[in-house]
Amino acid sequence: MAEVSYTADIKKFTESVDQKAVDGIVRFLGIALKSRDSSHVACSSNSELERVRESFLKRKLKLSEEDAALDGRIRAVCEAMKADTSKHRVTFYYLLAEKAGKLGEL
């Protein structure tokens, strides 16, 4: 798989990029970024979005809101990225962490 400039991709959706947070997300995702399928988020897949909620929002970011509120956060990022047919997982997770005020914890 070709190397993706996550920083450039994130800049399409937000003004400034915290490179340390990007590096933390890349480390967290690890081998998942090696596969084209797992390196992207499919907003049309309920099981995919549930995995994002459980694995990233709850476990990694330690958010304790109700599932409906967390799902709302995910839907908001899906909406923000709707024009992008290849929703890079690093960018998606970065935007979730940014909105939650958790970039410094990555």
PDB file of N, CA and C in Angstrom:
ATOM      1  N   MET A   1       0.845  -1.180   0.000  1.00  0.00           N
ATOM      2  CA  MET A   1       0.000   0.000   0.000  1.00  0.00           C
ATOM      3  C   MET A   1       0.887   1.239   0.000  1.00  0.00           C
ATOM      4  N   ALA A   2       0.527   2.224  -0.792  1.00  0.00           N
ATOM      5  CA  ALA A   2       1.315   3.455  -0.893  1.00  0.00           C
ATOM      6  C   ALA A   2       1.262   4.238   0.413  1.00  0.00           C
ATOM      7  N   GLU A   3       2.329   4.924   0.709  1.00  0.00           N
ATOM      8  CA  GLU A   3       2.411   5.749   1.911  1.00  0.00           C
ATOM      9  C   GLU A   3       1.451   6.927   1.784  1.00  0.00           C
ATOM     10  N   VAL A   4       0.672   7.147   2.799  1.00  0.00           N
ATOM     11  CA  VAL A   4      -0.308   8.228   2.817  1.00  0.00           C
ATOM     12  C   VAL A   4       0.239   9.359   3.674  1.00  0.00           C
ATOM     13  N   SER A   5       0.048  10.582   3.224  1.00  0.00           N
ATOM     14  CA  SER A   5       0.405  11.724   4.057  1.00  0.00           C
ATOM     15  C   SER A   5      -0.801  12.034   4.935  1.00  0.00           C
ATOM     16  N   TYR A   6      -0.785  11.468   6.125  1.00  0.00           N
ATOM     17  CA  TYR A   6      -1.908  11.673   7.039  1.00  0.00           C
ATOM     18  C   TYR A   6      -2.059  13.140   7.397  1.00  0.00           C
ATOM     19  N   THR A   7      -0.946  13.824   7.573  1.00  0.00           N
ATOM     20  CA  THR A   7      -0.990  15.239   7.929  1.00  0.00           C
ATOM     21  C   THR A   7      -1.715  16.035   6.845  1.00  0.00           C
ATOM     22  N   ALA A   8      -1.374  15.798   5.589  1.00  0.00           N
ATOM     23  CA  ALA A   8      -2.031  16.504   4.486  1.00  0.00           C
ATOM     24  C   ALA A   8      -3.519  16.157   4.429  1.00  0.00           C
ATOM     25  N   ASP A   9      -3.843  14.901   4.671  1.00  0.00           N
ATOM     26  CA  ASP A   9      -5.245  14.488   4.641  1.00  0.00           C
ATOM     27  C   ASP A   9      -6.022  15.161   5.774  1.00  0.00           C
ATOM     28  N   ILE A  10      -5.450  15.203   6.972  1.00  0.00           N
ATOM     29  CA  ILE A  10      -6.116  15.828   8.110  1.00  0.00           C
ATOM     30  C   ILE A  10      -6.320  17.317   7.870  1.00  0.00           C
ATOM     31  N   LYS A  11      -5.356  17.962   7.201  1.00  0.00           N
ATOM     32  CA  LYS A  11      -5.455  19.403   6.935  1.00  0.00           C
ATOM     33  C   LYS A  11      -6.633  19.750   6.030  1.00  0.00           C
ATOM     34  N   LYS A  12      -7.202  18.767   5.349  1.00  0.00           N
ATOM     35  CA  LYS A  12      -8.399  19.019   4.542  1.00  0.00           C
ATOM     36  C   LYS A  12      -9.606  19.301   5.433  1.00  0.00           C
ATOM     37  N   PHE A  13      -9.513  18.894   6.711  1.00  0.00           N
ATOM     38  CA  PHE A  13     -10.663  18.984   7.610  1.00  0.00           C
ATOM     39  C   PHE A  13     -10.461  19.881   8.824  1.00  0.00           C
ATOM     40  N   THR A  14      -9.226  20.272   9.092  1.00  0.00           N
ATOM     41  CA  THR A  14      -8.938  21.103  10.256  1.00  0.00           C
ATOM     42  C   THR A  14      -7.728  21.986   9.958  1.00  0.00           C
ATOM     43  N   GLU A  15      -7.650  23.116  10.619  1.00  0.00           N
ATOM     44  CA  GLU A  15      -6.606  24.092  10.297  1.00  0.00           C
ATOM     45  C   GLU A  15      -5.209  23.674  10.726  1.00  0.00           C
ATOM     46  N   SER A  16      -5.070  23.203  11.955  1.00  0.00           N
ATOM     47  CA  SER A  16      -3.739  22.833  12.422  1.00  0.00           C
ATOM     48  C   SER A  16      -3.716  21.355  12.785  1.00  0.00           C
ATOM     49  N   VAL A  17      -2.542  20.765  12.689  1.00  0.00           N
ATOM     50  CA  VAL A  17      -2.398  19.342  12.946  1.00  0.00           C
ATOM     51  C   VAL A  17      -1.333  19.134  14.025  1.00  0.00           C
ATOM     52  N   ASP A  18      -1.673  18.364  15.030  1.00  0.00           N
ATOM     53  CA  ASP A  18      -0.761  17.995  16.099  1.00  0.00           C
ATOM     54  C   ASP A  18      -0.051  16.709  15.666  1.00  0.00           C
ATOM     55  N   GLN A  19       1.194  16.842  15.227  1.00  0.00           N
ATOM     56  CA  GLN A  19       1.917  15.694  14.683  1.00  0.00           C
ATOM     57  C   GLN A  19       2.119  14.595  15.729  1.00  0.00           C
ATOM     58  N   LYS A  20       2.293  14.984  16.971  1.00  0.00           N
ATOM     59  CA  LYS A  20       2.452  13.985  18.038  1.00  0.00           C
ATOM     60  C   LYS A  20       1.181  13.139  18.152  1.00  0.00           C
ATOM     61  N   ALA A  21       0.020  13.761  18.031  1.00  0.00           N
ATOM     62  CA  ALA A  21      -1.252  13.035  18.080  1.00  0.00           C
ATOM     63  C   ALA A  21      -1.379  12.107  16.874  1.00  0.00           C
ATOM     64  N   VAL A  22      -0.987  12.583  15.696  1.00  0.00           N
ATOM     65  CA  VAL A  22      -1.028  11.744  14.486  1.00  0.00           C
ATOM     66  C   VAL A  22      -0.152  10.513  14.699  1.00  0.00           C
ATOM     67  N   ASP A  23       1.064  10.726  15.201  1.00  0.00           N
ATOM     68  CA  ASP A  23       1.984   9.615  15.440  1.00  0.00           C
ATOM     69  C   ASP A  23       1.399   8.635  16.455  1.00  0.00           C
ATOM     70  N   GLY A  24       0.721   9.158  17.480  1.00  0.00           N
ATOM     71  CA  GLY A  24       0.088   8.299  18.477  1.00  0.00           C
ATOM     72  C   GLY A  24      -1.015   7.446  17.882  1.00  0.00           C
ATOM     73  N   ILE A  25      -1.806   8.012  16.995  1.00  0.00           N
ATOM     74  CA  ILE A  25      -2.868   7.256  16.333  1.00  0.00           C
ATOM     75  C   ILE A  25      -2.266   6.184  15.434  1.00  0.00           C
ATOM     76  N   VAL A  26      -1.228   6.536  14.700  1.00  0.00           N
ATOM     77  CA  VAL A  26      -0.567   5.564  13.820  1.00  0.00           C
ATOM     78  C   VAL A  26      -0.022   4.397  14.653  1.00  0.00           C
ATOM     79  N   ARG A  27       0.595   4.695  15.794  1.00  0.00           N
ATOM     80  CA  ARG A  27       1.094   3.631  16.676  1.00  0.00           C
ATOM     81  C   ARG A  27      -0.059   2.774  17.193  1.00  0.00           C
ATOM     82  N   PHE A  28      -1.148   3.416  17.601  1.00  0.00           N
ATOM     83  CA  PHE A  28      -2.313   2.703  18.114  1.00  0.00           C
ATOM     84  C   PHE A  28      -2.874   1.748  17.051  1.00  0.00           C
ATOM     85  N   LEU A  29      -2.954   2.194  15.824  1.00  0.00           N
ATOM     86  CA  LEU A  29      -3.543   1.380  14.759  1.00  0.00           C
ATOM     87  C   LEU A  29      -2.598   0.297  14.266  1.00  0.00           C
ATOM     88  N   GLY A  30      -1.301   0.564  14.312  1.00  0.00           N
ATOM     89  CA  GLY A  30      -0.299  -0.440  13.955  1.00  0.00           C
ATOM     90  C   GLY A  30      -0.540  -1.140  12.646  1.00  0.00           C
ATOM     91  N   ILE A  31      -0.621  -2.442  12.722  1.00  0.00           N
ATOM     92  CA  ILE A  31      -0.710  -3.284  11.529  1.00  0.00           C
ATOM     93  C   ILE A  31      -1.999  -3.063  10.737  1.00  0.00           C
ATOM     94  N   ALA A  32      -3.024  -2.526  11.361  1.00  0.00           N
ATOM     95  CA  ALA A  32      -4.291  -2.271  10.650  1.00  0.00           C
ATOM     96  C   ALA A  32      -4.083  -1.338   9.463  1.00  0.00           C
ATOM     97  N   LEU A  33      -3.049  -0.519   9.523  1.00  0.00           N
ATOM     98  CA  LEU A  33      -2.801   0.426   8.431  1.00  0.00           C
ATOM     99  C   LEU A  33      -2.142  -0.235   7.221  1.00  0.00           C
ATOM    100  N   LYS A  34      -1.746  -1.477   7.341  1.00  0.00           N
ATOM    101  CA  LYS A  34      -1.090  -2.191   6.230  1.00  0.00           C
ATOM    102  C   LYS A  34      -2.085  -2.648   5.174  1.00  0.00           C
ATOM    103  N   SER A  35      -3.329  -2.842   5.568  1.00  0.00           N
ATOM    104  CA  SER A  35      -4.363  -3.310   4.654  1.00  0.00           C
ATOM    105  C   SER A  35      -5.224  -2.136   4.194  1.00  0.00           C
ATOM    106  N   ARG A  36      -5.478  -2.049   2.909  1.00  0.00           N
ATOM    107  CA  ARG A  36      -6.303  -0.959   2.388  1.00  0.00           C
ATOM    108  C   ARG A  36      -7.680  -0.957   3.053  1.00  0.00           C
ATOM    109  N   ASP A  37      -8.272  -2.115   3.201  1.00  0.00           N
ATOM    110  CA  ASP A  37      -9.614  -2.188   3.773  1.00  0.00           C
ATOM    111  C   ASP A  37      -9.639  -1.709   5.222  1.00  0.00           C
ATOM    112  N   SER A  38      -8.720  -2.172   6.035  1.00  0.00           N
ATOM    113  CA  SER A  38      -8.745  -1.799   7.451  1.00  0.00           C
ATOM    114  C   SER A  38      -8.151  -0.420   7.717  1.00  0.00           C
ATOM    115  N   SER A  39      -7.522   0.174   6.730  1.00  0.00           N
ATOM    116  CA  SER A  39      -6.952   1.514   6.919  1.00  0.00           C
ATOM    117  C   SER A  39      -7.972   2.619   6.621  1.00  0.00           C
ATOM    118  N   HIS A  40      -9.180   2.204   6.254  1.00  0.00           N
ATOM    119  CA  HIS A  40     -10.256   3.152   5.968  1.00  0.00           C
ATOM    120  C   HIS A  40     -11.464   2.852   6.842  1.00  0.00           C
ATOM    121  N   VAL A  41     -12.284   3.853   7.068  1.00  0.00           N
ATOM    122  CA  VAL A  41     -13.512   3.695   7.838  1.00  0.00           C
ATOM    123  C   VAL A  41     -14.682   3.716   6.858  1.00  0.00           C
ATOM    124  N   ALA A  42     -15.558   2.729   7.013  1.00  0.00           N
ATOM    125  CA  ALA A  42     -16.756   2.649   6.175  1.00  0.00           C
ATOM    126  C   ALA A  42     -17.947   3.144   6.991  1.00  0.00           C
ATOM    127  N   CYS A  43     -18.365   4.362   6.734  1.00  0.00           N
ATOM    128  CA  CYS A  43     -19.477   4.944   7.490  1.00  0.00           C
ATOM    129  C   CYS A  43     -20.800   4.238   7.206  1.00  0.00           C
ATOM    130  N   SER A  44     -20.849   3.448   6.165  1.00  0.00           N
ATOM    131  CA  SER A  44     -22.081   2.730   5.828  1.00  0.00           C
ATOM    132  C   SER A  44     -22.200   1.401   6.573  1.00  0.00           C
ATOM    133  N   SER A  45     -21.170   1.027   7.313  1.00  0.00           N
ATOM    134  CA  SER A  45     -21.166  -0.248   8.027  1.00  0.00           C
ATOM    135  C   SER A  45     -21.393  -0.040   9.521  1.00  0.00           C
ATOM    136  N   ASN A  46     -22.534  -0.516  10.011  1.00  0.00           N
ATOM    137  CA  ASN A  46     -22.841  -0.375  11.435  1.00  0.00           C
ATOM    138  C   ASN A  46     -21.817  -1.089  12.312  1.00  0.00           C
ATOM    139  N   SER A  47     -21.364  -2.271  11.877  1.00  0.00           N
ATOM    140  CA  SER A  47     -20.376  -3.003  12.681  1.00  0.00           C
ATOM    141  C   SER A  47     -19.047  -2.251  12.726  1.00  0.00           C
ATOM    142  N   GLU A  48     -18.707  -1.590  11.642  1.00  0.00           N
ATOM    143  CA  GLU A  48     -17.485  -0.770  11.602  1.00  0.00           C
ATOM    144  C   GLU A  48     -17.578   0.393  12.590  1.00  0.00           C
ATOM    145  N   LEU A  49     -18.702   1.072  12.571  1.00  0.00           N
ATOM    146  CA  LEU A  49     -18.879   2.223  13.451  1.00  0.00           C
ATOM    147  C   LEU A  49     -18.954   1.803  14.915  1.00  0.00           C
ATOM    148  N   GLU A  50     -19.511   0.635  15.169  1.00  0.00           N
ATOM    149  CA  GLU A  50     -19.528   0.100  16.532  1.00  0.00           C
ATOM    150  C   GLU A  50     -18.097  -0.194  16.993  1.00  0.00           C
ATOM    151  N   ARG A  51     -17.285  -0.727  16.102  1.00  0.00           N
ATOM    152  CA  ARG A  51     -15.876  -1.011  16.414  1.00  0.00           C
ATOM    153  C   ARG A  51     -15.131   0.280  16.737  1.00  0.00           C
ATOM    154  N   VAL A  52     -15.392   1.342  15.987  1.00  0.00           N
ATOM    155  CA  VAL A  52     -14.767   2.645  16.256  1.00  0.00           C
ATOM    156  C   VAL A  52     -15.171   3.122  17.649  1.00  0.00           C
ATOM    157  N   ARG A  53     -16.457   3.010  17.961  1.00  0.00           N
ATOM    158  CA  ARG A  53     -16.956   3.446  19.267  1.00  0.00           C
ATOM    159  C   ARG A  53     -16.304   2.659  20.403  1.00  0.00           C
ATOM    160  N   GLU A  54     -16.318   1.352  20.297  1.00  0.00           N
ATOM    161  CA  GLU A  54     -15.825   0.502  21.385  1.00  0.00           C
ATOM    162  C   GLU A  54     -14.307   0.553  21.510  1.00  0.00           C
ATOM    163  N   SER A  55     -13.618   0.432  20.404  1.00  0.00           N
ATOM    164  CA  SER A  55     -12.157   0.345  20.432  1.00  0.00           C
ATOM    165  C   SER A  55     -11.477   1.693  20.633  1.00  0.00           C
ATOM    166  N   PHE A  56     -11.919   2.694  19.901  1.00  0.00           N
ATOM    167  CA  PHE A  56     -11.218   3.975  19.961  1.00  0.00           C
ATOM    168  C   PHE A  56     -11.818   4.926  20.999  1.00  0.00           C
ATOM    169  N   LEU A  57     -13.105   5.181  20.889  1.00  0.00           N
ATOM    170  CA  LEU A  57     -13.697   6.176  21.790  1.00  0.00           C
ATOM    171  C   LEU A  57     -13.728   5.699  23.242  1.00  0.00           C
ATOM    172  N   LYS A  58     -14.133   4.458  23.449  1.00  0.00           N
ATOM    173  CA  LYS A  58     -14.240   3.972  24.825  1.00  0.00           C
ATOM    174  C   LYS A  58     -12.901   3.497  25.392  1.00  0.00           C
ATOM    175  N   ARG A  59     -12.204   2.646  24.647  1.00  0.00           N
ATOM    176  CA  ARG A  59     -10.968   2.078  25.201  1.00  0.00           C
ATOM    177  C   ARG A  59      -9.796   3.035  25.133  1.00  0.00           C
ATOM    178  N   LYS A  60      -9.553   3.601  23.972  1.00  0.00           N
ATOM    179  CA  LYS A  60      -8.369   4.454  23.811  1.00  0.00           C
ATOM    180  C   LYS A  60      -8.579   5.839  24.430  1.00  0.00           C
ATOM    181  N   LEU A  61      -9.685   6.501  24.083  1.00  0.00           N
ATOM    182  CA  LEU A  61      -9.914   7.856  24.591  1.00  0.00           C
ATOM    183  C   LEU A  61     -10.597   7.869  25.961  1.00  0.00           C
ATOM    184  N   LYS A  62     -11.074   6.700  26.382  1.00  0.00           N
ATOM    185  CA  LYS A  62     -11.719   6.559  27.698  1.00  0.00           C
ATOM    186  C   LYS A  62     -12.927   7.483  27.876  1.00  0.00           C
ATOM    187  N   LEU A  63     -13.708   7.630  26.805  1.00  0.00           N
ATOM    188  CA  LEU A  63     -14.938   8.414  26.884  1.00  0.00           C
ATOM    189  C   LEU A  63     -16.020   7.540  27.513  1.00  0.00           C
ATOM    190  N   SER A  64     -16.785   8.099  28.407  1.00  0.00           N
ATOM    191  CA  SER A  64     -17.780   7.307  29.138  1.00  0.00           C
ATOM    192  C   SER A  64     -19.213   7.769  28.885  1.00  0.00           C
ATOM    193  N   GLU A  65     -19.412   8.495  27.823  1.00  0.00           N
ATOM    194  CA  GLU A  65     -20.759   8.944  27.475  1.00  0.00           C
ATOM    195  C   GLU A  65     -21.621   7.748  27.066  1.00  0.00           C
ATOM    196  N   GLU A  66     -22.920   7.966  27.011  1.00  0.00           N
ATOM    197  CA  GLU A  66     -23.855   6.943  26.517  1.00  0.00           C
ATOM    198  C   GLU A  66     -23.482   6.607  25.063  1.00  0.00           C
ATOM    199  N   ASP A  67     -23.791   5.372  24.668  1.00  0.00           N
ATOM    200  CA  ASP A  67     -23.486   4.946  23.294  1.00  0.00           C
ATOM    201  C   ASP A  67     -24.103   5.883  22.261  1.00  0.00           C
ATOM    202  N   ALA A  68     -25.313   6.347  22.512  1.00  0.00           N
ATOM    203  CA  ALA A  68     -25.992   7.236  21.559  1.00  0.00           C
ATOM    204  C   ALA A  68     -25.202   8.529  21.359  1.00  0.00           C
ATOM    205  N   ALA A  69     -24.636   9.068  22.410  1.00  0.00           N
ATOM    206  CA  ALA A  69     -23.834  10.294  22.306  1.00  0.00           C
ATOM    207  C   ALA A  69     -22.543  10.029  21.542  1.00  0.00           C
ATOM    208  N   LEU A  70     -21.913   8.896  21.821  1.00  0.00           N
ATOM    209  CA  LEU A  70     -20.680   8.538  21.107  1.00  0.00           C
ATOM    210  C   LEU A  70     -20.980   8.288  19.634  1.00  0.00           C
ATOM    211  N   ASP A  71     -22.098   7.630  19.361  1.00  0.00           N
ATOM    212  CA  ASP A  71     -22.498   7.404  17.965  1.00  0.00           C
ATOM    213  C   ASP A  71     -22.751   8.732  17.259  1.00  0.00           C
ATOM    214  N   GLY A  72     -23.272   9.705  17.977  1.00  0.00           N
ATOM    215  CA  GLY A  72     -23.472  11.039  17.406  1.00  0.00           C
ATOM    216  C   GLY A  72     -22.154  11.682  17.021  1.00  0.00           C
ATOM    217  N   ARG A  73     -21.137  11.488  17.848  1.00  0.00           N
ATOM    218  CA  ARG A  73     -19.797  12.009  17.516  1.00  0.00           C
ATOM    219  C   ARG A  73     -19.282  11.368  16.231  1.00  0.00           C
ATOM    220  N   ILE A  74     -19.477  10.064  16.125  1.00  0.00           N
ATOM    221  CA  ILE A  74     -19.016   9.332  14.938  1.00  0.00           C
ATOM    222  C   ILE A  74     -19.774   9.806  13.707  1.00  0.00           C
ATOM    223  N   ARG A  75     -21.096   9.943  13.824  1.00  0.00           N
ATOM    224  CA  ARG A  75     -21.898  10.418  12.677  1.00  0.00           C
ATOM    225  C   ARG A  75     -21.465  11.820  12.241  1.00  0.00           C
ATOM    226  N   ALA A  76     -21.088  12.663  13.205  1.00  0.00           N
ATOM    227  CA  ALA A  76     -20.647  14.020  12.873  1.00  0.00           C
ATOM    228  C   ALA A  76     -19.368  13.981  12.035  1.00  0.00           C
ATOM    229  N   VAL A  77     -18.456  13.075  12.373  1.00  0.00           N
ATOM    230  CA  VAL A  77     -17.222  12.957  11.582  1.00  0.00           C
ATOM    231  C   VAL A  77     -17.540  12.349  10.218  1.00  0.00           C
ATOM    232  N   CYS A  78     -18.439  11.373  10.176  1.00  0.00           N
ATOM    233  CA  CYS A  78     -18.868  10.819   8.878  1.00  0.00           C
ATOM    234  C   CYS A  78     -19.412  11.932   7.995  1.00  0.00           C
ATOM    235  N   GLU A  79     -20.219  12.804   8.579  1.00  0.00           N
ATOM    236  CA  GLU A  79     -20.812  13.920   7.830  1.00  0.00           C
ATOM    237  C   GLU A  79     -19.723  14.885   7.359  1.00  0.00           C
ATOM    238  N   ALA A  80     -18.777  15.198   8.223  1.00  0.00           N
ATOM    239  CA  ALA A  80     -17.695  16.124   7.863  1.00  0.00           C
ATOM    240  C   ALA A  80     -16.838  15.563   6.725  1.00  0.00           C
ATOM    241  N   MET A  81     -16.722  14.234   6.677  1.00  0.00           N
ATOM    242  CA  MET A  81     -15.864  13.590   5.676  1.00  0.00           C
ATOM    243  C   MET A  81     -16.658  12.997   4.512  1.00  0.00           C
ATOM    244  N   LYS A  82     -17.950  13.306   4.415  1.00  0.00           N
ATOM    245  CA  LYS A  82     -18.802  12.626   3.436  1.00  0.00           C
ATOM    246  C   LYS A  82     -18.345  12.782   1.991  1.00  0.00           C
ATOM    247  N   ALA A  83     -17.705  13.869   1.654  1.00  0.00           N
ATOM    248  CA  ALA A  83     -17.245  14.065   0.277  1.00  0.00           C
ATOM    249  C   ALA A  83     -15.998  13.233  -0.042  1.00  0.00           C
ATOM    250  N   ASP A  84     -15.354  12.724   0.985  1.00  0.00           N
ATOM    251  CA  ASP A  84     -14.124  11.946   0.821  1.00  0.00           C
ATOM    252  C   ASP A  84     -14.491  10.471   0.726  1.00  0.00           C
ATOM    253  N   THR A  85     -14.316   9.882  -0.441  1.00  0.00           N
ATOM    254  CA  THR A  85     -14.696   8.482  -0.618  1.00  0.00           C
ATOM    255  C   THR A  85     -13.748   7.526   0.097  1.00  0.00           C
ATOM    256  N   SER A  86     -12.534   7.948   0.356  1.00  0.00           N
ATOM    257  CA  SER A  86     -11.566   7.130   1.102  1.00  0.00           C
ATOM    258  C   SER A  86     -11.321   7.787   2.446  1.00  0.00           C
ATOM    259  N   LYS A  87     -12.114   7.408   3.418  1.00  0.00           N
ATOM    260  CA  LYS A  87     -11.992   7.998   4.753  1.00  0.00           C
ATOM    261  C   LYS A  87     -10.863   7.299   5.502  1.00  0.00           C
ATOM    262  N   HIS A  88      -9.675   7.908   5.473  1.00  0.00           N
ATOM    263  CA  HIS A  88      -8.524   7.309   6.148  1.00  0.00           C
ATOM    264  C   HIS A  88      -8.799   7.203   7.641  1.00  0.00           C
ATOM    265  N   ARG A  89      -8.522   6.041   8.188  1.00  0.00           N
ATOM    266  CA  ARG A  89      -8.798   5.777   9.601  1.00  0.00           C
ATOM    267  C   ARG A  89      -8.034   6.741  10.507  1.00  0.00           C
ATOM    268  N   VAL A  90      -6.794   7.072  10.156  1.00  0.00           N
ATOM    269  CA  VAL A  90      -6.006   8.002  10.970  1.00  0.00           C
ATOM    270  C   VAL A  90      -6.693   9.366  11.012  1.00  0.00           C
ATOM    271  N   THR A  91      -7.137   9.855   9.881  1.00  0.00           N
ATOM    272  CA  THR A  91      -7.831  11.144   9.820  1.00  0.00           C
ATOM    273  C   THR A  91      -9.129  11.081  10.603  1.00  0.00           C
ATOM    274  N   PHE A  92      -9.883  10.018  10.428  1.00  0.00           N
ATOM    275  CA  PHE A  92     -11.165   9.844  11.112  1.00  0.00           C
ATOM    276  C   PHE A  92     -10.958   9.864  12.625  1.00  0.00           C
ATOM    277  N   TYR A  93      -9.992   9.103  13.109  1.00  0.00           N
ATOM    278  CA  TYR A  93      -9.715   9.044  14.545  1.00  0.00           C
ATOM    279  C   TYR A  93      -9.179  10.379  15.057  1.00  0.00           C
ATOM    280  N   TYR A  94      -8.364  11.045  14.252  1.00  0.00           N
ATOM    281  CA  TYR A  94      -7.836  12.358  14.653  1.00  0.00           C
ATOM    282  C   TYR A  94      -8.990  13.330  14.877  1.00  0.00           C
ATOM    283  N   LEU A  95      -9.935  13.365  13.950  1.00  0.00           N
ATOM    284  CA  LEU A  95     -11.062  14.286  14.070  1.00  0.00           C
ATOM    285  C   LEU A  95     -11.929  13.948  15.286  1.00  0.00           C
ATOM    286  N   LEU A  96     -12.105  12.668  15.565  1.00  0.00           N
ATOM    287  CA  LEU A  96     -12.849  12.273  16.761  1.00  0.00           C
ATOM    288  C   LEU A  96     -12.130  12.748  18.025  1.00  0.00           C
ATOM    289  N   ALA A  97     -10.824  12.528  18.078  1.00  0.00           N
ATOM    290  CA  ALA A  97     -10.040  12.930  19.252  1.00  0.00           C
ATOM    291  C   ALA A  97     -10.025  14.447  19.402  1.00  0.00           C
ATOM    292  N   GLU A  98      -9.908  15.152  18.292  1.00  0.00           N
ATOM    293  CA  GLU A  98      -9.901  16.619  18.326  1.00  0.00           C
ATOM    294  C   GLU A  98     -11.215  17.147  18.906  1.00  0.00           C
ATOM    295  N   LYS A  99     -12.332  16.620  18.408  1.00  0.00           N
ATOM    296  CA  LYS A  99     -13.645  17.068  18.878  1.00  0.00           C
ATOM    297  C   LYS A  99     -13.859  16.743  20.361  1.00  0.00           C
ATOM    298  N   ALA A 100     -13.225  15.678  20.841  1.00  0.00           N
ATOM    299  CA  ALA A 100     -13.352  15.282  22.242  1.00  0.00           C
ATOM    300  C   ALA A 100     -12.343  15.986  23.140  1.00  0.00           C
ATOM    301  N   GLY A 101     -11.449  16.786  22.533  1.00  0.00           N
ATOM    302  CA  GLY A 101     -10.424  17.464  23.318  1.00  0.00           C
ATOM    303  C   GLY A 101      -9.379  16.525  23.878  1.00  0.00           C
ATOM    304  N   LYS A 102      -9.106  15.437  23.156  1.00  0.00           N
ATOM    305  CA  LYS A 102      -8.210  14.398  23.656  1.00  0.00           C
ATOM    306  C   LYS A 102      -6.926  14.245  22.838  1.00  0.00           C
ATOM    307  N   LEU A 103      -6.599  15.201  21.984  1.00  0.00           N
ATOM    308  CA  LEU A 103      -5.390  15.059  21.170  1.00  0.00           C
ATOM    309  C   LEU A 103      -4.136  14.919  22.029  1.00  0.00           C
ATOM    310  N   GLY A 104      -4.091  15.609  23.127  1.00  0.00           N
ATOM    311  CA  GLY A 104      -2.929  15.569  24.006  1.00  0.00           C
ATOM    312  C   GLY A 104      -2.734  14.243  24.703  1.00  0.00           C
ATOM    313  N   GLU A 105      -3.725  13.366  24.636  1.00  0.00           N
ATOM    314  CA  GLU A 105      -3.645  12.073  25.306  1.00  0.00           C
ATOM    315  C   GLU A 105      -3.254  10.940  24.368  1.00  0.00           C
ATOM    316  N   LEU A 106      -2.960  11.251  23.124  1.00  0.00           N
ATOM    317  CA  LEU A 106      -2.627  10.202  22.151  1.00  0.00           C
ATOM    318  C   LEU A 106      -1.142   9.945  22.068  1.00  0.00           C
TER     319      LEU A 106
END
